[in-house]
């Protein structure tokens, strides 16, 4: 489990989480990843929602969501991602 293990990786710029078919939510504290520019969630088949903390990642320029069939909506705070230039969903 990643849980809070990423609390101290504040300079992480790219985070690719793939093939997590049984997880239903992101179990990480992404609010500390303020330098994150690319977030890719792929083959995350049971993901139902994105964490509300995603809205404070103002450096995020690319969000990729592929093969996340259970994800029914994007959070309302998506418009707070002022650096977001690429949203790729399949």
Protein backbone atom coordinates (compact mmCIF):
# COMPACT_ATOMS: atom_id res chain seq x y z
CA UNK A 1 0.00 0.00 0.00
CA UNK A 2 1.32 3.43 -0.93
CA UNK A 3 -0.79 5.18 1.69
CA UNK A 4 1.25 8.09 3.06
CA UNK A 5 4.61 6.84 1.86
CA UNK A 6 4.71 9.56 -0.80
CA UNK A 7 4.45 12.40 1.73
CA UNK A 8 8.15 13.16 1.39
CA UNK A 9 8.46 12.88 -2.38
CA UNK A 10 7.47 16.49 -2.90
CA UNK A 11 9.55 16.96 -6.05
CA UNK A 12 7.98 14.05 -7.96
CA UNK A 13 6.96 15.27 -11.42
CA UNK A 14 5.58 12.15 -13.14
CA UNK A 15 3.41 9.54 -11.45
CA UNK A 16 2.15 6.58 -13.48
CA UNK A 17 -0.08 4.16 -11.63
CA UNK A 18 -1.01 1.17 -13.77
CA UNK A 19 -2.64 -2.24 -13.50
CA UNK A 20 -4.21 -1.76 -10.08
CA UNK A 21 -7.38 -3.63 -10.90
CA UNK A 22 -8.61 -4.17 -7.33
CA UNK A 23 -8.09 -0.70 -5.83
CA UNK A 24 -11.22 1.45 -5.61
CA UNK A 25 -9.57 4.75 -4.71
CA UNK A 26 -6.18 6.40 -4.67
CA UNK A 27 -4.78 5.62 -1.26
CA UNK A 28 -2.08 8.24 -1.37
CA UNK A 29 -1.75 11.75 -0.07
CA UNK A 30 -1.36 13.46 -3.41
CA UNK A 31 -1.77 16.93 -1.92
CA UNK A 32 1.96 16.86 -1.09
CA UNK A 33 2.96 16.22 -4.72
CA UNK A 34 2.91 19.91 -5.63
CA UNK A 35 5.55 19.54 -8.38
CA UNK A 36 3.55 16.83 -10.16
CA UNK A 37 3.09 17.68 -13.84
CA UNK A 38 1.89 14.33 -15.23
CA UNK A 39 -0.53 11.93 -13.57
CA UNK A 40 -1.42 8.75 -15.45
CA UNK A 41 -3.94 6.23 -14.16
CA UNK A 42 -4.11 3.20 -16.43
CA UNK A 43 -5.98 -0.11 -16.10
CA UNK A 44 -7.32 0.95 -12.73
CA UNK A 45 -10.53 -0.96 -13.33
CA UNK A 46 -12.19 -0.48 -9.90
CA UNK A 47 -11.39 3.22 -9.48
CA UNK A 48 -14.67 4.95 -8.60
CA UNK A 49 -13.54 8.49 -7.87
CA UNK A 50 -10.60 10.83 -7.96
CA UNK A 51 -9.43 12.36 -4.69
CA UNK A 52 -10.60 15.90 -3.94
CA UNK A 53 -6.98 16.83 -3.25
CA UNK A 54 -6.30 16.59 -6.97
CA UNK A 55 -7.65 20.11 -7.28
CA UNK A 56 -4.65 21.65 -5.49
CA UNK A 57 -2.10 20.23 -7.93
CA UNK A 58 -1.80 23.46 -9.86
CA UNK A 59 1.38 22.30 -11.64
CA UNK A 60 -0.45 19.34 -13.20
CA UNK A 61 -0.33 19.79 -16.97
CA UNK A 62 -1.31 16.29 -18.14
CA UNK A 63 -3.95 13.96 -16.74
CA UNK A 64 -4.30 10.55 -18.39
CA UNK A 65 -7.13 8.21 -17.40
CA UNK A 66 -7.29 4.97 -19.39
CA UNK A 67 -9.30 1.81 -18.79
CA UNK A 68 -10.91 3.08 -15.59
CA UNK A 69 -14.41 1.83 -16.37
CA UNK A 70 -15.89 2.38 -12.89
CA UNK A 71 -14.92 6.06 -12.78
CA UNK A 72 -18.25 7.77 -13.33
CA UNK A 73 -17.35 11.43 -12.92
CA UNK A 74 -14.47 13.83 -12.67
CA UNK A 75 -14.32 16.01 -9.63
CA UNK A 76 -15.80 19.48 -9.78
CA UNK A 77 -12.48 21.04 -8.86
CA UNK A 78 -10.97 20.12 -12.23
CA UNK A 79 -11.27 23.77 -13.26
CA UNK A 80 -8.79 24.67 -10.48
CA UNK A 81 -6.07 22.86 -12.44
CA UNK A 82 -4.92 26.01 -14.17
CA UNK A 83 -1.86 24.38 -15.78
CA UNK A 84 -3.82 21.46 -17.23
CA UNK A 85 -3.31 21.41 -20.99
CA UNK A 86 -3.90 17.73 -21.76
CA UNK A 87 -6.76 15.54 -20.57
CA UNK A 88 -6.63 12.08 -22.14
CA UNK A 89 -9.44 9.68 -21.30
CA UNK A 90 -10.31 6.30 -22.81
